Amino acid sequence: MESVESDYRRLMEKVKELLVFQSAEFVVYWDMETMMPPRAINLRSQQLALLSRIEHKMSTDPEIGRLLEEVMRHPKYEELDAVQRRNVYLIKKQYDEQTKLPEE
């Protein structure tokens, strides 16, 4: 059995990837709202739709669910500090919400 810190670190790496992707998606959206030429709307809409589908797949990745379970069920879960436990709680809440939504 891995240490709870190791499991937590792996979970946070997955979440960091998701957050970096979301920030890139936001840049595309921001560009659409502020600088995009009017005739580019169709392509930009297709880009955002694709990015949204990829984001949903990333946010509902079963690996995130598995890591959440490993961390939360670890015998030493309570040894994580308050911030780490709060992170786990918020990630779990968002994961549960996202897995209830359809991809489209």
PDB file of N, CA and C in Angstrom:
ATOM      1  N   MET A   1       0.844  -1.175   0.000  1.00  0.00           N
ATOM      2  CA  MET A   1       0.000   0.000   0.000  1.00  0.00           C
ATOM      3  C   MET A   1       0.894   1.244   0.000  1.00  0.00           C
ATOM      4  N   GLU A   2       0.567   2.162  -0.906  1.00  0.00           N
ATOM      5  CA  GLU A   2       1.306   3.422  -0.984  1.00  0.00           C
ATOM      6  C   GLU A   2       0.961   4.301   0.209  1.00  0.00           C
ATOM      7  N   SER A   3       1.807   5.269   0.459  1.00  0.00           N
ATOM      8  CA  SER A   3       1.512   6.206   1.542  1.00  0.00           C
ATOM      9  C   SER A   3       0.381   7.133   1.107  1.00  0.00           C
ATOM     10  N   VAL A   4      -0.334   7.661   2.077  1.00  0.00           N
ATOM     11  CA  VAL A   4      -1.430   8.570   1.758  1.00  0.00           C
ATOM     12  C   VAL A   4      -0.886   9.820   1.066  1.00  0.00           C
ATOM     13  N   GLU A   5       0.314  10.249   1.427  1.00  0.00           N
ATOM     14  CA  GLU A   5       0.915  11.417   0.790  1.00  0.00           C
ATOM     15  C   GLU A   5       1.198  11.147  -0.685  1.00  0.00           C
ATOM     16  N   SER A   6       1.659   9.943  -0.993  1.00  0.00           N
ATOM     17  CA  SER A   6       1.939   9.572  -2.378  1.00  0.00           C
ATOM     18  C   SER A   6       0.649   9.535  -3.197  1.00  0.00           C
ATOM     19  N   ASP A   7      -0.393   8.933  -2.642  1.00  0.00           N
ATOM     20  CA  ASP A   7      -1.685   8.895  -3.332  1.00  0.00           C
ATOM     21  C   ASP A   7      -2.224  10.306  -3.532  1.00  0.00           C
ATOM     22  N   TYR A   8      -2.110  11.129  -2.516  1.00  0.00           N
ATOM     23  CA  TYR A   8      -2.580  12.516  -2.593  1.00  0.00           C
ATOM     24  C   TYR A   8      -1.808  13.273  -3.680  1.00  0.00           C
ATOM     25  N   ARG A   9      -0.505  13.087  -3.732  1.00  0.00           N
ATOM     26  CA  ARG A   9       0.330  13.751  -4.735  1.00  0.00           C
ATOM     27  C   ARG A   9      -0.103  13.357  -6.151  1.00  0.00           C
ATOM     28  N   ARG A  10      -0.369  12.073  -6.367  1.00  0.00           N
ATOM     29  CA  ARG A  10      -0.808  11.611  -7.690  1.00  0.00           C
ATOM     30  C   ARG A  10      -2.165  12.216  -8.052  1.00  0.00           C
ATOM     31  N   LEU A  11      -3.064  12.297  -7.078  1.00  0.00           N
ATOM     32  CA  LEU A  11      -4.367  12.923  -7.309  1.00  0.00           C
ATOM     33  C   LEU A  11      -4.183  14.386  -7.712  1.00  0.00           C
ATOM     34  N   MET A  12      -3.345  15.090  -6.999  1.00  0.00           N
ATOM     35  CA  MET A  12      -3.138  16.507  -7.283  1.00  0.00           C
ATOM     36  C   MET A  12      -2.477  16.720  -8.648  1.00  0.00           C
ATOM     37  N   GLU A  13      -1.636  15.789  -9.083  1.00  0.00           N
ATOM     38  CA  GLU A  13      -1.041  15.888 -10.419  1.00  0.00           C
ATOM     39  C   GLU A  13      -2.122  15.807 -11.491  1.00  0.00           C
ATOM     40  N   LYS A  14      -3.080  14.892 -11.315  1.00  0.00           N
ATOM     41  CA  LYS A  14      -4.192  14.774 -12.268  1.00  0.00           C
ATOM     42  C   LYS A  14      -5.033  16.042 -12.271  1.00  0.00           C
ATOM     43  N   VAL A  15      -5.303  16.576 -11.112  1.00  0.00           N
ATOM     44  CA  VAL A  15      -6.120  17.785 -11.006  1.00  0.00           C
ATOM     45  C   VAL A  15      -5.375  18.976 -11.611  1.00  0.00           C
ATOM     46  N   LYS A  16      -4.077  19.040 -11.418  1.00  0.00           N
ATOM     47  CA  LYS A  16      -3.288  20.133 -11.998  1.00  0.00           C
ATOM     48  C   LYS A  16      -3.369  20.095 -13.521  1.00  0.00           C
ATOM     49  N   GLU A  17      -3.269  18.906 -14.115  1.00  0.00           N
ATOM     50  CA  GLU A  17      -3.406  18.777 -15.568  1.00  0.00           C
ATOM     51  C   GLU A  17      -4.752  19.329 -16.024  1.00  0.00           C
ATOM     52  N   LEU A  18      -5.801  18.982 -15.301  1.00  0.00           N
ATOM     53  CA  LEU A  18      -7.142  19.462 -15.633  1.00  0.00           C
ATOM     54  C   LEU A  18      -7.210  20.985 -15.532  1.00  0.00           C
ATOM     55  N   LEU A  19      -6.657  21.552 -14.484  1.00  0.00           N
ATOM     56  CA  LEU A  19      -6.693  23.008 -14.302  1.00  0.00           C
ATOM     57  C   LEU A  19      -5.896  23.736 -15.386  1.00  0.00           C
ATOM     58  N   VAL A  20      -4.770  23.179 -15.789  1.00  0.00           N
ATOM     59  CA  VAL A  20      -3.986  23.784 -16.870  1.00  0.00           C
ATOM     60  C   VAL A  20      -4.787  23.742 -18.167  1.00  0.00           C
ATOM     61  N   PHE A  21      -5.437  22.621 -18.437  1.00  0.00           N
ATOM     62  CA  PHE A  21      -6.263  22.506 -19.638  1.00  0.00           C
ATOM     63  C   PHE A  21      -7.404  23.515 -19.596  1.00  0.00           C
ATOM     64  N   GLN A  22      -8.068  23.635 -18.454  1.00  0.00           N
ATOM     65  CA  GLN A  22      -9.169  24.590 -18.325  1.00  0.00           C
ATOM     66  C   GLN A  22      -8.693  26.018 -18.558  1.00  0.00           C
ATOM     67  N   SER A  23      -7.497  26.339 -18.103  1.00  0.00           N
ATOM     68  CA  SER A  23      -6.994  27.700 -18.310  1.00  0.00           C
ATOM     69  C   SER A  23      -6.734  27.956 -19.797  1.00  0.00           C
ATOM     70  N   ALA A  24      -6.258  26.948 -20.519  1.00  0.00           N
ATOM     71  CA  ALA A  24      -6.062  27.094 -21.965  1.00  0.00           C
ATOM     72  C   ALA A  24      -7.412  27.250 -22.665  1.00  0.00           C
ATOM     73  N   GLU A  25      -8.393  26.495 -22.223  1.00  0.00           N
ATOM     74  CA  GLU A  25      -9.744  26.611 -22.780  1.00  0.00           C
ATOM     75  C   GLU A  25     -10.290  28.022 -22.548  1.00  0.00           C
ATOM     76  N   PHE A  26     -10.030  28.572 -21.382  1.00  0.00           N
ATOM     77  CA  PHE A  26     -10.496  29.920 -21.074  1.00  0.00           C
ATOM     78  C   PHE A  26      -9.862  30.955 -22.004  1.00  0.00           C
ATOM     79  N   VAL A  27      -8.590  30.769 -22.349  1.00  0.00           N
ATOM     80  CA  VAL A  27      -7.916  31.702 -23.254  1.00  0.00           C
ATOM     81  C   VAL A  27      -8.617  31.711 -24.611  1.00  0.00           C
ATOM     82  N   VAL A  28      -8.993  30.544 -25.106  1.00  0.00           N
ATOM     83  CA  VAL A  28      -9.709  30.461 -26.382  1.00  0.00           C
ATOM     84  C   VAL A  28     -11.057  31.169 -26.269  1.00  0.00           C
ATOM     85  N   TYR A  29     -11.758  30.941 -25.174  1.00  0.00           N
ATOM     86  CA  TYR A  29     -13.047  31.602 -24.956  1.00  0.00           C
ATOM     87  C   TYR A  29     -12.861  33.117 -24.861  1.00  0.00           C
ATOM     88  N   TRP A  30     -11.876  33.554 -24.118  1.00  0.00           N
ATOM     89  CA  TRP A  30     -11.605  34.986 -23.964  1.00  0.00           C
ATOM     90  C   TRP A  30     -11.313  35.613 -25.318  1.00  0.00           C
ATOM     91  N   ASP A  31     -10.511  34.941 -26.137  1.00  0.00           N
ATOM     92  CA  ASP A  31     -10.195  35.442 -27.469  1.00  0.00           C
ATOM     93  C   ASP A  31     -11.468  35.584 -28.298  1.00  0.00           C
ATOM     94  N   MET A  32     -12.361  34.615 -28.183  1.00  0.00           N
ATOM     95  CA  MET A  32     -13.614  34.669 -28.931  1.00  0.00           C
ATOM     96  C   MET A  32     -14.428  35.897 -28.518  1.00  0.00           C
ATOM     97  N   GLU A  33     -14.440  36.181 -27.241  1.00  0.00           N
ATOM     98  CA  GLU A  33     -15.248  37.287 -26.731  1.00  0.00           C
ATOM     99  C   GLU A  33     -14.619  38.657 -26.967  1.00  0.00           C
ATOM    100  N   THR A  34     -13.312  38.725 -27.149  1.00  0.00           N
ATOM    101  CA  THR A  34     -12.669  40.040 -27.177  1.00  0.00           C
ATOM    102  C   THR A  34     -11.966  40.401 -28.479  1.00  0.00           C
ATOM    103  N   MET A  35     -11.387  39.435 -29.177  1.00  0.00           N
ATOM    104  CA  MET A  35     -10.518  39.793 -30.296  1.00  0.00           C
ATOM    105  C   MET A  35     -10.829  39.072 -31.601  1.00  0.00           C
ATOM    106  N   MET A  36     -11.695  38.118 -31.575  1.00  0.00           N
ATOM    107  CA  MET A  36     -11.906  37.268 -32.733  1.00  0.00           C
ATOM    108  C   MET A  36     -12.609  38.027 -33.862  1.00  0.00           C
ATOM    109  N   PRO A  37     -12.147  37.857 -35.088  1.00  0.00           N
ATOM    110  CA  PRO A  37     -12.873  38.449 -36.216  1.00  0.00           C
ATOM    111  C   PRO A  37     -14.277  37.832 -36.311  1.00  0.00           C
ATOM    112  N   PRO A  38     -15.260  38.611 -36.688  1.00  0.00           N
ATOM    113  CA  PRO A  38     -16.647  38.122 -36.715  1.00  0.00           C
ATOM    114  C   PRO A  38     -16.853  36.859 -37.553  1.00  0.00           C
ATOM    115  N   ARG A  39     -16.137  36.698 -38.643  1.00  0.00           N
ATOM    116  CA  ARG A  39     -16.361  35.533 -39.507  1.00  0.00           C
ATOM    117  C   ARG A  39     -15.709  34.264 -38.965  1.00  0.00           C
ATOM    118  N   ALA A  40     -15.004  34.352 -37.877  1.00  0.00           N
ATOM    119  CA  ALA A  40     -14.332  33.178 -37.305  1.00  0.00           C
ATOM    120  C   ALA A  40     -15.197  32.457 -36.275  1.00  0.00           C
ATOM    121  N   ILE A  41     -16.427  32.902 -36.072  1.00  0.00           N
ATOM    122  CA  ILE A  41     -17.277  32.342 -35.009  1.00  0.00           C
ATOM    123  C   ILE A  41     -17.541  30.851 -35.182  1.00  0.00           C
ATOM    124  N   ASN A  42     -17.744  30.389 -36.406  1.00  0.00           N
ATOM    125  CA  ASN A  42     -18.039  28.964 -36.605  1.00  0.00           C
ATOM    126  C   ASN A  42     -16.868  28.083 -36.181  1.00  0.00           C
ATOM    127  N   LEU A  43     -15.681  28.440 -36.620  1.00  0.00           N
ATOM    128  CA  LEU A  43     -14.504  27.651 -36.245  1.00  0.00           C
ATOM    129  C   LEU A  43     -14.264  27.717 -34.744  1.00  0.00           C
ATOM    130  N   ARG A  44     -14.360  28.910 -34.163  1.00  0.00           N
ATOM    131  CA  ARG A  44     -14.108  29.046 -32.733  1.00  0.00           C
ATOM    132  C   ARG A  44     -15.141  28.264 -31.934  1.00  0.00           C
ATOM    133  N   SER A  45     -16.380  28.252 -32.378  1.00  0.00           N
ATOM    134  CA  SER A  45     -17.419  27.477 -31.693  1.00  0.00           C
ATOM    135  C   SER A  45     -17.095  25.990 -31.731  1.00  0.00           C
ATOM    136  N   GLN A  46     -16.614  25.524 -32.874  1.00  0.00           N
ATOM    137  CA  GLN A  46     -16.222  24.113 -32.983  1.00  0.00           C
ATOM    138  C   GLN A  46     -15.042  23.812 -32.066  1.00  0.00           C
ATOM    139  N   GLN A  47     -14.096  24.727 -32.006  1.00  0.00           N
ATOM    140  CA  GLN A  47     -12.940  24.537 -31.128  1.00  0.00           C
ATOM    141  C   GLN A  47     -13.376  24.449 -29.672  1.00  0.00           C
ATOM    142  N   LEU A  48     -14.241  25.366 -29.259  1.00  0.00           N
ATOM    143  CA  LEU A  48     -14.700  25.362 -27.867  1.00  0.00           C
ATOM    144  C   LEU A  48     -15.523  24.121 -27.543  1.00  0.00           C
ATOM    145  N   ALA A  49     -16.321  23.661 -28.495  1.00  0.00           N
ATOM    146  CA  ALA A  49     -17.106  22.446 -28.267  1.00  0.00           C
ATOM    147  C   ALA A  49     -16.176  21.249 -28.061  1.00  0.00           C
ATOM    148  N   LEU A  50     -15.145  21.146 -28.885  1.00  0.00           N
ATOM    149  CA  LEU A  50     -14.182  20.053 -28.745  1.00  0.00           C
ATOM    150  C   LEU A  50     -13.438  20.155 -27.417  1.00  0.00           C
ATOM    151  N   LEU A  51     -12.975  21.346 -27.090  1.00  0.00           N
ATOM    152  CA  LEU A  51     -12.269  21.530 -25.820  1.00  0.00           C
ATOM    153  C   LEU A  51     -13.167  21.188 -24.634  1.00  0.00           C
ATOM    154  N   SER A  52     -14.423  21.537 -24.726  1.00  0.00           N
ATOM    155  CA  SER A  52     -15.368  21.234 -23.651  1.00  0.00           C
ATOM    156  C   SER A  52     -15.550  19.726 -23.482  1.00  0.00           C
ATOM    157  N   ARG A  53     -15.633  19.003 -24.604  1.00  0.00           N
ATOM    158  CA  ARG A  53     -15.766  17.537 -24.517  1.00  0.00           C
ATOM    159  C   ARG A  53     -14.512  16.916 -23.901  1.00  0.00           C
ATOM    160  N   ILE A  54     -13.351  17.403 -24.313  1.00  0.00           N
ATOM    161  CA  ILE A  54     -12.097  16.884 -23.752  1.00  0.00           C
ATOM    162  C   ILE A  54     -12.019  17.195 -22.261  1.00  0.00           C
ATOM    163  N   GLU A  55     -12.396  18.410 -21.885  1.00  0.00           N
ATOM    164  CA  GLU A  55     -12.386  18.781 -20.463  1.00  0.00           C
ATOM    165  C   GLU A  55     -13.298  17.858 -19.659  1.00  0.00           C
ATOM    166  N   HIS A  56     -14.471  17.551 -20.211  1.00  0.00           N
ATOM    167  CA  HIS A  56     -15.399  16.669 -19.494  1.00  0.00           C
ATOM    168  C   HIS A  56     -14.785  15.283 -19.312  1.00  0.00           C
ATOM    169  N   LYS A  57     -14.145  14.772 -20.364  1.00  0.00           N
ATOM    170  CA  LYS A  57     -13.493  13.461 -20.252  1.00  0.00           C
ATOM    171  C   LYS A  57     -12.392  13.487 -19.195  1.00  0.00           C
ATOM    172  N   MET A  58     -11.632  14.572 -19.166  1.00  0.00           N
ATOM    173  CA  MET A  58     -10.560  14.683 -18.172  1.00  0.00           C
ATOM    174  C   MET A  58     -11.132  14.775 -16.760  1.00  0.00           C
ATOM    175  N   SER A  59     -12.195  15.550 -16.596  1.00  0.00           N
ATOM    176  CA  SER A  59     -12.748  15.768 -15.251  1.00  0.00           C
ATOM    177  C   SER A  59     -13.519  14.563 -14.737  1.00  0.00           C
ATOM    178  N   THR A  60     -13.887  13.644 -15.633  1.00  0.00           N
ATOM    179  CA  THR A  60     -14.603  12.434 -15.211  1.00  0.00           C
ATOM    180  C   THR A  60     -13.736  11.187 -15.380  1.00  0.00           C
ATOM    181  N   ASP A  61     -12.453  11.383 -15.543  1.00  0.00           N
ATOM    182  CA  ASP A  61     -11.513  10.274 -15.707  1.00  0.00           C
ATOM    183  C   ASP A  61     -11.640   9.314 -14.522  1.00  0.00           C
ATOM    184  N   PRO A  62     -11.909   8.038 -14.791  1.00  0.00           N
ATOM    185  CA  PRO A  62     -12.015   7.069 -13.699  1.00  0.00           C
ATOM    186  C   PRO A  62     -10.773   7.018 -12.808  1.00  0.00           C
ATOM    187  N   GLU A  63      -9.633   7.405 -13.346  1.00  0.00           N
ATOM    188  CA  GLU A  63      -8.405   7.431 -12.540  1.00  0.00           C
ATOM    189  C   GLU A  63      -8.533   8.439 -11.396  1.00  0.00           C
ATOM    190  N   ILE A  64      -9.188   9.563 -11.644  1.00  0.00           N
ATOM    191  CA  ILE A  64      -9.419  10.533 -10.572  1.00  0.00           C
ATOM    192  C   ILE A  64     -10.299   9.901  -9.504  1.00  0.00           C
ATOM    193  N   GLY A  65     -11.359   9.223  -9.924  1.00  0.00           N
ATOM    194  CA  GLY A  65     -12.233   8.549  -8.964  1.00  0.00           C
ATOM    195  C   GLY A  65     -11.488   7.505  -8.154  1.00  0.00           C
ATOM    196  N   ARG A  66     -10.633   6.746  -8.832  1.00  0.00           N
ATOM    197  CA  ARG A  66      -9.862   5.707  -8.143  1.00  0.00           C
ATOM    198  C   ARG A  66      -8.898   6.328  -7.134  1.00  0.00           C
ATOM    199  N   LEU A  67      -8.227   7.390  -7.533  1.00  0.00           N
ATOM    200  CA  LEU A  67      -7.295   8.052  -6.619  1.00  0.00           C
ATOM    201  C   LEU A  67      -8.028   8.676  -5.437  1.00  0.00           C
ATOM    202  N   LEU A  68      -9.188   9.258  -5.688  1.00  0.00           N
ATOM    203  CA  LEU A  68      -9.987   9.800  -4.586  1.00  0.00           C
ATOM    204  C   LEU A  68     -10.317   8.709  -3.571  1.00  0.00           C
ATOM    205  N   GLU A  69     -10.760   7.563  -4.069  1.00  0.00           N
ATOM    206  CA  GLU A  69     -11.102   6.456  -3.171  1.00  0.00           C
ATOM    207  C   GLU A  69      -9.882   5.981  -2.393  1.00  0.00           C
ATOM    208  N   GLU A  70      -8.749   5.870  -3.087  1.00  0.00           N
ATOM    209  CA  GLU A  70      -7.531   5.422  -2.401  1.00  0.00           C
ATOM    210  C   GLU A  70      -7.147   6.380  -1.280  1.00  0.00           C
ATOM    211  N   VAL A  71      -7.221   7.672  -1.575  1.00  0.00           N
ATOM    212  CA  VAL A  71      -6.854   8.662  -0.555  1.00  0.00           C
ATOM    213  C   VAL A  71      -7.849   8.628   0.598  1.00  0.00           C
ATOM    214  N   MET A  72      -9.132   8.667   0.284  1.00  0.00           N
ATOM    215  CA  MET A  72     -10.152   8.770   1.330  1.00  0.00           C
ATOM    216  C   MET A  72     -10.251   7.516   2.195  1.00  0.00           C
ATOM    217  N   ARG A  73      -9.931   6.364   1.622  1.00  0.00           N
ATOM    218  CA  ARG A  73     -10.018   5.109   2.385  1.00  0.00           C
ATOM    219  C   ARG A  73      -8.692   4.711   3.024  1.00  0.00           C
ATOM    220  N   HIS A  74      -7.679   5.488   2.771  1.00  0.00           N
ATOM    221  CA  HIS A  74      -6.362   5.161   3.321  1.00  0.00           C
ATOM    222  C   HIS A  74      -6.421   5.240   4.844  1.00  0.00           C
ATOM    223  N   PRO A  75      -5.830   4.266   5.530  1.00  0.00           N
ATOM    224  CA  PRO A  75      -5.853   4.277   7.000  1.00  0.00           C
ATOM    225  C   PRO A  75      -5.256   5.546   7.616  1.00  0.00           C
ATOM    226  N   LYS A  76      -4.382   6.211   6.886  1.00  0.00           N
ATOM    227  CA  LYS A  76      -3.736   7.408   7.432  1.00  0.00           C
ATOM    228  C   LYS A  76      -4.303   8.698   6.829  1.00  0.00           C
ATOM    229  N   TYR A  77      -5.510   8.628   6.292  1.00  0.00           N
ATOM    230  CA  TYR A  77      -6.149   9.806   5.694  1.00  0.00           C
ATOM    231  C   TYR A  77      -6.173  10.991   6.654  1.00  0.00           C
ATOM    232  N   GLU A  78      -6.468  10.737   7.903  1.00  0.00           N
ATOM    233  CA  GLU A  78      -6.566  11.819   8.892  1.00  0.00           C
ATOM    234  C   GLU A  78      -5.223  12.489   9.167  1.00  0.00           C
ATOM    235  N   GLU A  79      -4.132  11.877   8.704  1.00  0.00           N
ATOM    236  CA  GLU A  79      -2.819  12.496   8.875  1.00  0.00           C
ATOM    237  C   GLU A  79      -2.561  13.611   7.861  1.00  0.00           C
ATOM    238  N   LEU A  80      -3.391  13.669   6.817  1.00  0.00           N
ATOM    239  CA  LEU A  80      -3.282  14.805   5.904  1.00  0.00           C
ATOM    240  C   LEU A  80      -3.670  16.063   6.666  1.00  0.00           C
ATOM    241  N   ASP A  81      -3.075  17.183   6.297  1.00  0.00           N
ATOM    242  CA  ASP A  81      -3.443  18.413   7.002  1.00  0.00           C
ATOM    243  C   ASP A  81      -4.819  18.900   6.538  1.00  0.00           C
ATOM    244  N   ALA A  82      -5.319  19.928   7.204  1.00  0.00           N
ATOM    245  CA  ALA A  82      -6.679  20.414   6.943  1.00  0.00           C
ATOM    246  C   ALA A  82      -6.847  20.897   5.502  1.00  0.00           C
ATOM    247  N   VAL A  83      -5.839  21.539   4.962  1.00  0.00           N
ATOM    248  CA  VAL A  83      -5.919  22.032   3.582  1.00  0.00           C
ATOM    249  C   VAL A  83      -5.989  20.860   2.609  1.00  0.00           C
ATOM    250  N   GLN A  84      -5.175  19.848   2.830  1.00  0.00           N
ATOM    251  CA  GLN A  84      -5.187  18.675   1.956  1.00  0.00           C
ATOM    252  C   GLN A  84      -6.536  17.958   2.017  1.00  0.00           C
ATOM    253  N   ARG A  85      -7.064  17.785   3.217  1.00  0.00           N
ATOM    254  CA  ARG A  85      -8.371  17.124   3.345  1.00  0.00           C
ATOM    255  C   ARG A  85      -9.469  17.953   2.677  1.00  0.00           C
ATOM    256  N   ARG A  86      -9.377  19.272   2.786  1.00  0.00           N
ATOM    257  CA  ARG A  86     -10.354  20.142   2.122  1.00  0.00           C
ATOM    258  C   ARG A  86     -10.226  20.024   0.608  1.00  0.00           C
ATOM    259  N   ASN A  87      -9.005  19.955   0.102  1.00  0.00           N
ATOM    260  CA  ASN A  87      -8.803  19.741  -1.333  1.00  0.00           C
ATOM    261  C   ASN A  87      -9.477  18.455  -1.781  1.00  0.00           C
ATOM    262  N   VAL A  88      -9.263  17.386  -1.036  1.00  0.00           N
ATOM    263  CA  VAL A  88      -9.870  16.101  -1.380  1.00  0.00           C
ATOM    264  C   VAL A  88     -11.390  16.231  -1.388  1.00  0.00           C
ATOM    265  N   TYR A  89     -11.939  16.875  -0.381  1.00  0.00           N
ATOM    266  CA  TYR A  89     -13.391  17.061  -0.301  1.00  0.00           C
ATOM    267  C   TYR A  89     -13.919  17.808  -1.531  1.00  0.00           C
ATOM    268  N   LEU A  90     -13.260  18.907  -1.894  1.00  0.00           N
ATOM    269  CA  LEU A  90     -13.725  19.718  -3.022  1.00  0.00           C
ATOM    270  C   LEU A  90     -13.546  18.997  -4.356  1.00  0.00           C
ATOM    271  N   ILE A  91     -12.446  18.270  -4.504  1.00  0.00           N
ATOM    272  CA  ILE A  91     -12.228  17.493  -5.727  1.00  0.00           C
ATOM    273  C   ILE A  91     -13.293  16.412  -5.844  1.00  0.00           C
ATOM    274  N   LYS A  92     -13.583  15.743  -4.742  1.00  0.00           N
ATOM    275  CA  LYS A  92     -14.617  14.692  -4.740  1.00  0.00           C
ATOM    276  C   LYS A  92     -15.973  15.284  -5.097  1.00  0.00           C
ATOM    277  N   LYS A  93     -16.307  16.419  -4.522  1.00  0.00           N
ATOM    278  CA  LYS A  93     -17.591  17.067  -4.805  1.00  0.00           C
ATOM    279  C   LYS A  93     -17.704  17.392  -6.294  1.00  0.00           C
ATOM    280  N   GLN A  94     -16.662  17.989  -6.856  1.00  0.00           N
ATOM    281  CA  GLN A  94     -16.687  18.336  -8.274  1.00  0.00           C
ATOM    282  C   GLN A  94     -16.715  17.081  -9.145  1.00  0.00           C
ATOM    283  N   TYR A  95     -15.952  16.069  -8.774  1.00  0.00           N
ATOM    284  CA  TYR A  95     -15.933  14.821  -9.539  1.00  0.00           C
ATOM    285  C   TYR A  95     -17.321  14.194  -9.549  1.00  0.00           C
ATOM    286  N   ASP A  96     -17.965  14.140  -8.395  1.00  0.00           N
ATOM    287  CA  ASP A  96     -19.310  13.565  -8.318  1.00  0.00           C
ATOM    288  C   ASP A  96     -20.296  14.346  -9.177  1.00  0.00           C
ATOM    289  N   GLU A  97     -20.205  15.668  -9.155  1.00  0.00           N
ATOM    290  CA  GLU A  97     -21.094  16.496  -9.981  1.00  0.00           C
ATOM    291  C   GLU A  97     -20.835  16.256 -11.465  1.00  0.00           C
ATOM    292  N   GLN A  98     -19.577  16.239 -11.856  1.00  0.00           N
ATOM    293  CA  GLN A  98     -19.232  16.073 -13.268  1.00  0.00           C
ATOM    294  C   GLN A  98     -19.621  14.698 -13.802  1.00  0.00           C
ATOM    295  N   THR A  99     -19.478  13.670 -12.993  1.00  0.00           N
ATOM    296  CA  THR A  99     -19.805  12.326 -13.476  1.00  0.00           C
ATOM    297  C   THR A  99     -21.304  12.125 -13.626  1.00  0.00           C
ATOM    298  N   LYS A 100     -22.110  13.030 -13.087  1.00  0.00           N
ATOM    299  CA  LYS A 100     -23.566  12.948 -13.259  1.00  0.00           C
ATOM    300  C   LYS A 100     -24.026  13.662 -14.526  1.00  0.00           C
ATOM    301  N   LEU A 101     -23.151  14.457 -15.126  1.00  0.00           N
ATOM    302  CA  LEU A 101     -23.509  15.213 -16.321  1.00  0.00           C
ATOM    303  C   LEU A 101     -23.160  14.423 -17.574  1.00  0.00           C
ATOM    304  N   PRO A 102     -24.005  14.527 -18.608  1.00  0.00           N
ATOM    305  CA  PRO A 102     -23.653  13.881 -19.876  1.00  0.00           C
ATOM    306  C   PRO A 102     -22.496  14.626 -20.540  1.00  0.00           C
ATOM    307  N   GLU A 103     -21.827  13.949 -21.446  1.00  0.00           N
ATOM    308  CA  GLU A 103     -20.667  14.539 -22.114  1.00  0.00           C
ATOM    309  C   GLU A 103     -21.052  15.754 -22.944  1.00  0.00           C
ATOM    310  N   GLU A 104     -22.163  15.703 -23.594  1.00  0.00           N
ATOM    311  CA  GLU A 104     -22.599  16.808 -24.476  1.00  0.00           C
ATOM    312  C   GLU A 104     -23.141  17.966 -23.704  1.00  0.00           C
TER     313      GLU A 104
END
